[in-house]
Amino acid sequence: MKITNEMKLSFPSKSVNEAFARGVVSSFITALDPTVGELTDLKTAVSEAVTNCIVHAYRRQGGTVYLSGKILEDKRVIIKIRDKGEGIEDIERAMEPLFTTAPEEERAGLGFAVMQSFCDRVRVSSKPGKGTAVTLEKRLGNA
């Protein structure tokens, strides 16, 4: 499938940049004329993935979050959020609803479940000590 547009950027893993990432993705997909629901779904999924980088990957010690996006000619949007942080030991377990590695911060452990509910496809790859990549895919409108 042909890529009609793409973007890449990186930013420090600071909480304030969660809103920045949502705004970037929102602006990026505007050309596709998404519904309010589609826009909200994708922004929420991106927010969860970026929060995971900030809270879990770097444990609030600081690092870099990498965000890239592609728009395909069939109106599929692919957003990838990655870090070079701690990585995930057991991806399957981490994706279980209510599982969290940060209970001291009163985390609900619903990040991946939220991403899955708002996207058509969520892929996670990770290597302990090397980082994690979350790829979100969503088709907008009637392609």
N, C-alpha and C. Protein backbone atom coordinates (compact mmCIF):
# COMPACT_ATOMS: atom_id res chain seq x y z
N MET A 1 0.85 -1.18 0.00
CA MET A 1 0.00 0.00 0.00
C MET A 1 0.89 1.24 0.00
N LYS A 2 0.53 2.19 -0.81
CA LYS A 2 1.33 3.41 -0.98
C LYS A 2 1.16 4.37 0.20
N ILE A 3 2.29 4.93 0.65
CA ILE A 3 2.30 5.94 1.71
C ILE A 3 2.02 7.29 1.07
N THR A 4 1.02 8.01 1.61
CA THR A 4 0.71 9.33 1.05
C THR A 4 1.32 10.47 1.86
N ASN A 5 1.66 10.18 3.13
CA ASN A 5 2.33 11.18 3.96
C ASN A 5 2.98 10.47 5.14
N GLU A 6 4.02 11.08 5.68
CA GLU A 6 4.66 10.52 6.86
C GLU A 6 5.37 11.60 7.64
N MET A 7 5.64 11.31 8.91
CA MET A 7 6.33 12.27 9.77
C MET A 7 7.13 11.51 10.82
N LYS A 8 8.14 12.18 11.35
CA LYS A 8 8.97 11.63 12.42
C LYS A 8 9.41 12.77 13.32
N LEU A 9 9.41 12.51 14.62
CA LEU A 9 9.93 13.49 15.55
C LEU A 9 10.32 12.79 16.84
N SER A 10 11.05 13.50 17.65
CA SER A 10 11.43 12.99 18.96
C SER A 10 11.31 14.14 19.96
N PHE A 11 11.10 13.78 21.22
CA PHE A 11 10.94 14.78 22.26
C PHE A 11 11.31 14.16 23.61
N PRO A 12 11.64 15.01 24.58
CA PRO A 12 11.99 14.50 25.91
C PRO A 12 10.79 13.83 26.58
N SER A 13 11.06 12.81 27.37
CA SER A 13 9.99 12.07 28.06
C SER A 13 9.52 12.82 29.30
N LYS A 14 8.86 13.94 29.05
CA LYS A 14 8.29 14.77 30.12
C LYS A 14 6.77 14.72 29.99
N SER A 15 6.09 14.76 31.12
CA SER A 15 4.62 14.67 31.12
C SER A 15 3.96 15.71 30.22
N VAL A 16 4.52 16.91 30.18
CA VAL A 16 3.94 17.97 29.35
C VAL A 16 3.92 17.58 27.87
N ASN A 17 4.81 16.71 27.46
CA ASN A 17 4.88 16.32 26.06
C ASN A 17 3.85 15.27 25.65
N GLU A 18 3.10 14.75 26.62
CA GLU A 18 1.99 13.86 26.29
C GLU A 18 0.96 14.64 25.46
N ALA A 19 0.62 15.83 25.91
CA ALA A 19 -0.33 16.68 25.19
C ALA A 19 0.24 17.11 23.84
N PHE A 20 1.55 17.36 23.81
CA PHE A 20 2.21 17.72 22.55
C PHE A 20 2.05 16.60 21.53
N ALA A 21 2.28 15.35 21.96
CA ALA A 21 2.18 14.21 21.05
C ALA A 21 0.75 14.06 20.52
N ARG A 22 -0.24 14.23 21.39
CA ARG A 22 -1.64 14.17 20.95
C ARG A 22 -1.92 15.23 19.89
N GLY A 23 -1.42 16.45 20.14
CA GLY A 23 -1.63 17.54 19.20
C GLY A 23 -0.97 17.30 17.86
N VAL A 24 0.22 16.74 17.88
CA VAL A 24 0.94 16.44 16.64
C VAL A 24 0.16 15.42 15.81
N VAL A 25 -0.27 14.34 16.46
CA VAL A 25 -1.01 13.30 15.74
C VAL A 25 -2.33 13.85 15.22
N SER A 26 -2.99 14.66 16.02
CA SER A 26 -4.24 15.28 15.59
C SER A 26 -4.02 16.13 14.33
N SER A 27 -3.00 16.95 14.35
CA SER A 27 -2.69 17.79 13.19
C SER A 27 -2.30 16.95 11.98
N PHE A 28 -1.54 15.90 12.23
CA PHE A 28 -1.06 15.04 11.14
C PHE A 28 -2.21 14.39 10.37
N ILE A 29 -3.25 13.95 11.08
CA ILE A 29 -4.34 13.24 10.39
C ILE A 29 -5.48 14.14 9.93
N THR A 30 -5.37 15.43 10.18
CA THR A 30 -6.44 16.37 9.82
C THR A 30 -6.79 16.31 8.34
N ALA A 31 -5.82 16.10 7.49
CA ALA A 31 -6.07 16.05 6.03
C ALA A 31 -7.03 14.92 5.66
N LEU A 32 -7.17 13.92 6.52
CA LEU A 32 -8.07 12.80 6.25
C LEU A 32 -9.50 13.09 6.68
N ASP A 33 -9.72 14.27 7.26
CA ASP A 33 -11.04 14.69 7.72
C ASP A 33 -11.67 13.64 8.65
N PRO A 34 -10.96 13.32 9.75
CA PRO A 34 -11.48 12.30 10.67
C PRO A 34 -12.72 12.80 11.41
N THR A 35 -13.54 11.86 11.84
CA THR A 35 -14.66 12.23 12.70
C THR A 35 -14.09 12.60 14.07
N VAL A 36 -14.90 13.24 14.88
CA VAL A 36 -14.47 13.59 16.23
C VAL A 36 -14.11 12.32 17.00
N GLY A 37 -14.92 11.28 16.82
CA GLY A 37 -14.65 10.01 17.49
C GLY A 37 -13.33 9.38 17.07
N GLU A 38 -13.06 9.37 15.76
CA GLU A 38 -11.80 8.81 15.26
C GLU A 38 -10.61 9.59 15.80
N LEU A 39 -10.74 10.90 15.80
CA LEU A 39 -9.68 11.77 16.30
C LEU A 39 -9.43 11.52 17.79
N THR A 40 -10.49 11.45 18.54
CA THR A 40 -10.39 11.20 19.98
C THR A 40 -9.78 9.84 20.26
N ASP A 41 -10.22 8.82 19.53
CA ASP A 41 -9.69 7.47 19.73
C ASP A 41 -8.18 7.44 19.53
N LEU A 42 -7.72 8.00 18.43
CA LEU A 42 -6.29 7.95 18.12
C LEU A 42 -5.48 8.79 19.10
N LYS A 43 -5.98 9.95 19.44
CA LYS A 43 -5.29 10.80 20.42
C LYS A 43 -5.18 10.10 21.78
N THR A 44 -6.23 9.41 22.18
CA THR A 44 -6.22 8.71 23.47
C THR A 44 -5.21 7.56 23.44
N ALA A 45 -5.19 6.80 22.36
CA ALA A 45 -4.24 5.69 22.24
C ALA A 45 -2.80 6.20 22.25
N VAL A 46 -2.54 7.28 21.54
CA VAL A 46 -1.20 7.87 21.53
C VAL A 46 -0.83 8.35 22.93
N SER A 47 -1.76 8.97 23.60
CA SER A 47 -1.53 9.45 24.96
C SER A 47 -1.12 8.30 25.89
N GLU A 48 -1.79 7.18 25.79
CA GLU A 48 -1.47 6.02 26.62
C GLU A 48 -0.07 5.49 26.30
N ALA A 49 0.28 5.42 25.04
CA ALA A 49 1.60 4.91 24.65
C ALA A 49 2.71 5.84 25.10
N VAL A 50 2.52 7.13 24.95
CA VAL A 50 3.53 8.10 25.38
C VAL A 50 3.66 8.08 26.90
N THR A 51 2.54 7.97 27.61
CA THR A 51 2.58 7.88 29.06
C THR A 51 3.38 6.65 29.51
N ASN A 52 3.21 5.54 28.80
CA ASN A 52 3.99 4.34 29.12
C ASN A 52 5.48 4.61 29.01
N CYS A 53 5.89 5.35 28.00
CA CYS A 53 7.31 5.70 27.85
C CYS A 53 7.79 6.52 29.04
N ILE A 54 7.00 7.49 29.41
CA ILE A 54 7.39 8.40 30.49
C ILE A 54 7.44 7.68 31.84
N VAL A 55 6.38 6.94 32.15
CA VAL A 55 6.25 6.33 33.47
C VAL A 55 7.05 5.03 33.61
N HIS A 56 6.98 4.18 32.59
CA HIS A 56 7.57 2.85 32.71
C HIS A 56 8.95 2.72 32.07
N ALA A 57 9.11 3.22 30.86
CA ALA A 57 10.37 3.00 30.15
C ALA A 57 11.53 3.72 30.82
N TYR A 58 11.29 4.95 31.20
CA TYR A 58 12.37 5.76 31.77
C TYR A 58 12.21 6.01 33.26
N ARG A 59 11.12 5.50 33.84
CA ARG A 59 10.87 5.65 35.28
C ARG A 59 11.06 7.09 35.74
N ARG A 60 10.59 7.99 34.90
CA ARG A 60 10.65 9.44 35.18
C ARG A 60 12.08 9.97 35.33
N GLN A 61 13.04 9.19 34.87
CA GLN A 61 14.44 9.62 34.92
C GLN A 61 14.80 10.47 33.69
N GLY A 62 14.00 10.40 32.70
CA GLY A 62 14.25 11.16 31.48
C GLY A 62 14.84 10.29 30.39
N GLY A 63 14.47 10.61 29.20
CA GLY A 63 14.92 9.90 28.01
C GLY A 63 14.23 10.54 26.83
N THR A 64 14.26 9.86 25.72
CA THR A 64 13.67 10.40 24.50
C THR A 64 12.55 9.49 24.03
N VAL A 65 11.45 10.10 23.62
CA VAL A 65 10.32 9.39 23.02
C VAL A 65 10.38 9.68 21.52
N TYR A 66 10.23 8.64 20.73
CA TYR A 66 10.26 8.76 19.27
C TYR A 66 8.86 8.49 18.74
N LEU A 67 8.36 9.39 17.94
CA LEU A 67 7.02 9.30 17.39
C LEU A 67 7.11 9.39 15.87
N SER A 68 6.52 8.44 15.19
CA SER A 68 6.48 8.50 13.73
C SER A 68 5.08 8.13 13.27
N GLY A 69 4.73 8.61 12.11
CA GLY A 69 3.40 8.32 11.58
C GLY A 69 3.41 8.18 10.09
N LYS A 70 2.52 7.35 9.60
CA LYS A 70 2.33 7.16 8.16
C LYS A 70 0.84 7.19 7.87
N ILE A 71 0.51 7.79 6.75
CA ILE A 71 -0.86 7.73 6.23
C ILE A 71 -0.77 6.96 4.92
N LEU A 72 -1.58 5.91 4.81
CA LEU A 72 -1.60 5.10 3.60
C LEU A 72 -2.77 5.51 2.73
N GLU A 73 -2.70 5.20 1.46
CA GLU A 73 -3.72 5.66 0.52
C GLU A 73 -5.11 5.11 0.81
N ASP A 74 -5.23 4.06 1.60
CA ASP A 74 -6.55 3.53 1.96
C ASP A 74 -7.08 4.13 3.26
N LYS A 75 -6.49 5.27 3.67
CA LYS A 75 -6.88 6.02 4.87
C LYS A 75 -6.53 5.28 6.16
N ARG A 76 -5.55 4.39 6.08
CA ARG A 76 -5.03 3.78 7.30
C ARG A 76 -3.96 4.69 7.86
N VAL A 77 -4.01 4.86 9.17
CA VAL A 77 -3.01 5.65 9.87
C VAL A 77 -2.21 4.69 10.73
N ILE A 78 -0.89 4.78 10.63
CA ILE A 78 -0.01 3.95 11.43
C ILE A 78 0.88 4.88 12.24
N ILE A 79 0.76 4.78 13.55
CA ILE A 79 1.54 5.62 14.46
C ILE A 79 2.43 4.70 15.29
N LYS A 80 3.70 5.04 15.35
CA LYS A 80 4.64 4.23 16.14
C LYS A 80 5.25 5.12 17.22
N ILE A 81 5.19 4.62 18.45
CA ILE A 81 5.77 5.31 19.60
C ILE A 81 6.81 4.37 20.18
N ARG A 82 8.04 4.86 20.30
CA ARG A 82 9.08 3.96 20.82
C ARG A 82 10.00 4.70 21.77
N ASP A 83 10.71 3.91 22.55
CA ASP A 83 11.66 4.45 23.52
C ASP A 83 12.89 3.56 23.54
N LYS A 84 13.89 4.00 24.25
CA LYS A 84 15.11 3.21 24.45
C LYS A 84 15.30 2.97 25.94
N GLY A 85 14.18 2.69 26.60
CA GLY A 85 14.17 2.54 28.05
C GLY A 85 14.35 1.12 28.51
N GLU A 86 13.70 0.80 29.62
CA GLU A 86 13.88 -0.48 30.30
C GLU A 86 13.41 -1.69 29.50
N GLY A 87 12.44 -1.52 28.64
CA GLY A 87 11.89 -2.65 27.91
C GLY A 87 10.89 -3.41 28.76
N ILE A 88 10.23 -4.36 28.13
CA ILE A 88 9.21 -5.16 28.81
C ILE A 88 9.67 -6.61 28.84
N GLU A 89 9.71 -7.15 30.01
CA GLU A 89 10.13 -8.53 30.23
C GLU A 89 9.15 -9.52 29.62
N ASP A 90 7.85 -9.33 29.88
CA ASP A 90 6.80 -10.25 29.43
C ASP A 90 5.68 -9.43 28.80
N ILE A 91 5.70 -9.29 27.48
CA ILE A 91 4.73 -8.45 26.77
C ILE A 91 3.31 -8.95 26.97
N GLU A 92 3.11 -10.25 26.88
CA GLU A 92 1.77 -10.81 27.02
C GLU A 92 1.17 -10.45 28.39
N ARG A 93 1.96 -10.57 29.42
CA ARG A 93 1.49 -10.23 30.77
C ARG A 93 1.25 -8.72 30.89
N ALA A 94 2.16 -7.94 30.34
CA ALA A 94 2.03 -6.48 30.41
C ALA A 94 0.77 -5.99 29.72
N MET A 95 0.29 -6.73 28.74
CA MET A 95 -0.91 -6.32 28.00
C MET A 95 -2.21 -6.76 28.68
N GLU A 96 -2.09 -7.53 29.76
CA GLU A 96 -3.29 -7.95 30.50
C GLU A 96 -3.89 -6.74 31.22
N PRO A 97 -5.22 -6.57 31.13
CA PRO A 97 -5.85 -5.47 31.86
C PRO A 97 -5.55 -5.58 33.36
N LEU A 98 -5.29 -4.45 33.96
CA LEU A 98 -5.02 -4.27 35.39
C LEU A 98 -3.60 -4.63 35.82
N PHE A 99 -2.75 -5.11 34.89
CA PHE A 99 -1.36 -5.38 35.25
C PHE A 99 -0.58 -4.07 35.17
N THR A 100 0.19 -3.78 36.21
CA THR A 100 1.03 -2.59 36.20
C THR A 100 2.34 -2.87 36.90
N THR A 101 3.37 -2.19 36.46
CA THR A 101 4.67 -2.29 37.13
C THR A 101 4.92 -1.06 37.99
N ALA A 102 3.90 -0.20 38.08
CA ALA A 102 4.04 1.03 38.88
C ALA A 102 2.85 1.21 39.82
N PRO A 103 2.56 0.22 40.67
CA PRO A 103 1.41 0.37 41.57
C PRO A 103 1.58 1.50 42.58
N GLU A 104 2.84 1.83 42.89
CA GLU A 104 3.09 2.92 43.83
C GLU A 104 2.62 4.26 43.29
N GLU A 105 2.46 4.35 42.00
CA GLU A 105 1.97 5.59 41.38
C GLU A 105 0.48 5.50 41.09
N GLU A 106 -0.15 4.49 41.67
CA GLU A 106 -1.58 4.28 41.50
C GLU A 106 -1.98 4.18 40.03
N ARG A 107 -1.22 3.41 39.29
CA ARG A 107 -1.52 3.16 37.89
C ARG A 107 -2.55 2.05 37.79
N ALA A 108 -3.51 2.19 36.88
CA ALA A 108 -4.60 1.22 36.75
C ALA A 108 -4.21 0.00 35.93
N GLY A 109 -3.17 0.11 35.12
CA GLY A 109 -2.79 -1.03 34.30
C GLY A 109 -3.72 -1.26 33.13
N LEU A 110 -4.28 -0.18 32.60
CA LEU A 110 -5.23 -0.30 31.49
C LEU A 110 -4.72 0.29 30.18
N GLY A 111 -3.48 0.75 30.16
CA GLY A 111 -2.95 1.43 28.98
C GLY A 111 -3.07 0.64 27.69
N PHE A 112 -2.60 -0.60 27.69
CA PHE A 112 -2.67 -1.40 26.47
C PHE A 112 -4.12 -1.75 26.12
N ALA A 113 -4.94 -2.01 27.13
CA ALA A 113 -6.36 -2.30 26.87
C ALA A 113 -7.05 -1.11 26.21
N VAL A 114 -6.72 0.09 26.67
CA VAL A 114 -7.29 1.29 26.06
C VAL A 114 -6.82 1.42 24.61
N MET A 115 -5.53 1.23 24.39
CA MET A 115 -5.00 1.30 23.01
C MET A 115 -5.72 0.31 22.11
N GLN A 116 -5.90 -0.91 22.59
CA GLN A 116 -6.55 -1.95 21.78
C GLN A 116 -8.02 -1.62 21.51
N SER A 117 -8.67 -0.98 22.45
CA SER A 117 -10.09 -0.67 22.24
C SER A 117 -10.30 0.47 21.26
N PHE A 118 -9.31 1.33 21.10
CA PHE A 118 -9.46 2.49 20.22
C PHE A 118 -8.79 2.34 18.86
N CYS A 119 -8.04 1.28 18.66
CA CYS A 119 -7.33 1.08 17.40
C CYS A 119 -7.75 -0.25 16.77
N ASP A 120 -7.55 -0.35 15.47
CA ASP A 120 -7.85 -1.60 14.78
C ASP A 120 -6.80 -2.67 15.08
N ARG A 121 -5.58 -2.21 15.31
CA ARG A 121 -4.49 -3.14 15.57
C ARG A 121 -3.44 -2.46 16.45
N VAL A 122 -2.91 -3.21 17.41
CA VAL A 122 -1.83 -2.73 18.28
C VAL A 122 -0.75 -3.80 18.30
N ARG A 123 0.46 -3.40 17.97
CA ARG A 123 1.60 -4.33 18.00
C ARG A 123 2.62 -3.78 18.99
N VAL A 124 3.19 -4.67 19.79
CA VAL A 124 4.19 -4.27 20.76
C VAL A 124 5.41 -5.15 20.58
N SER A 125 6.56 -4.52 20.49
CA SER A 125 7.82 -5.27 20.47
C SER A 125 8.73 -4.63 21.51
N SER A 126 9.50 -5.47 22.19
CA SER A 126 10.32 -4.95 23.27
C SER A 126 11.47 -5.90 23.57
N LYS A 127 12.57 -5.30 24.02
CA LYS A 127 13.71 -6.07 24.50
C LYS A 127 14.15 -5.45 25.81
N PRO A 128 14.19 -6.26 26.87
CA PRO A 128 14.63 -5.72 28.16
C PRO A 128 15.98 -5.02 28.04
N GLY A 129 16.03 -3.82 28.59
CA GLY A 129 17.25 -3.02 28.55
C GLY A 129 17.48 -2.27 27.25
N LYS A 130 16.64 -2.51 26.25
CA LYS A 130 16.82 -1.89 24.94
C LYS A 130 15.67 -0.96 24.55
N GLY A 131 14.48 -1.20 25.10
CA GLY A 131 13.36 -0.33 24.78
C GLY A 131 12.16 -1.07 24.21
N THR A 132 11.14 -0.28 23.92
CA THR A 132 9.85 -0.80 23.46
C THR A 132 9.34 0.02 22.30
N ALA A 133 8.64 -0.63 21.39
CA ALA A 133 7.97 0.04 20.28
C ALA A 133 6.51 -0.40 20.27
N VAL A 134 5.61 0.57 20.23
CA VAL A 134 4.18 0.31 20.15
C VAL A 134 3.70 0.89 18.82
N THR A 135 3.07 0.03 18.01
CA THR A 135 2.56 0.47 16.72
C THR A 135 1.04 0.41 16.76
N LEU A 136 0.43 1.56 16.50
CA LEU A 136 -1.02 1.70 16.51
C LEU A 136 -1.50 1.85 15.07
N GLU A 137 -2.54 1.12 14.71
CA GLU A 137 -3.06 1.21 13.37
C GLU A 137 -4.57 1.43 13.43
N LYS A 138 -5.04 2.39 12.64
CA LYS A 138 -6.46 2.70 12.61
C LYS A 138 -6.84 3.16 11.20
N ARG A 139 -7.91 2.59 10.68
CA ARG A 139 -8.45 3.01 9.38
C ARG A 139 -9.53 4.05 9.65
N LEU A 140 -9.44 5.16 8.96
CA LEU A 140 -10.41 6.24 9.16
C LEU A 140 -11.47 6.23 8.07
N GLY A 141 -12.71 6.51 8.45
CA GLY A 141 -13.79 6.64 7.51
C GLY A 141 -14.07 5.39 6.72
N ASN A 142 -14.75 5.57 5.63
CA ASN A 142 -15.04 4.47 4.71
C ASN A 142 -14.03 4.50 3.58
N ALA A 143 -13.02 3.66 3.70
CA ALA A 143 -11.91 3.67 2.71
C ALA A 143 -12.38 3.25 1.35
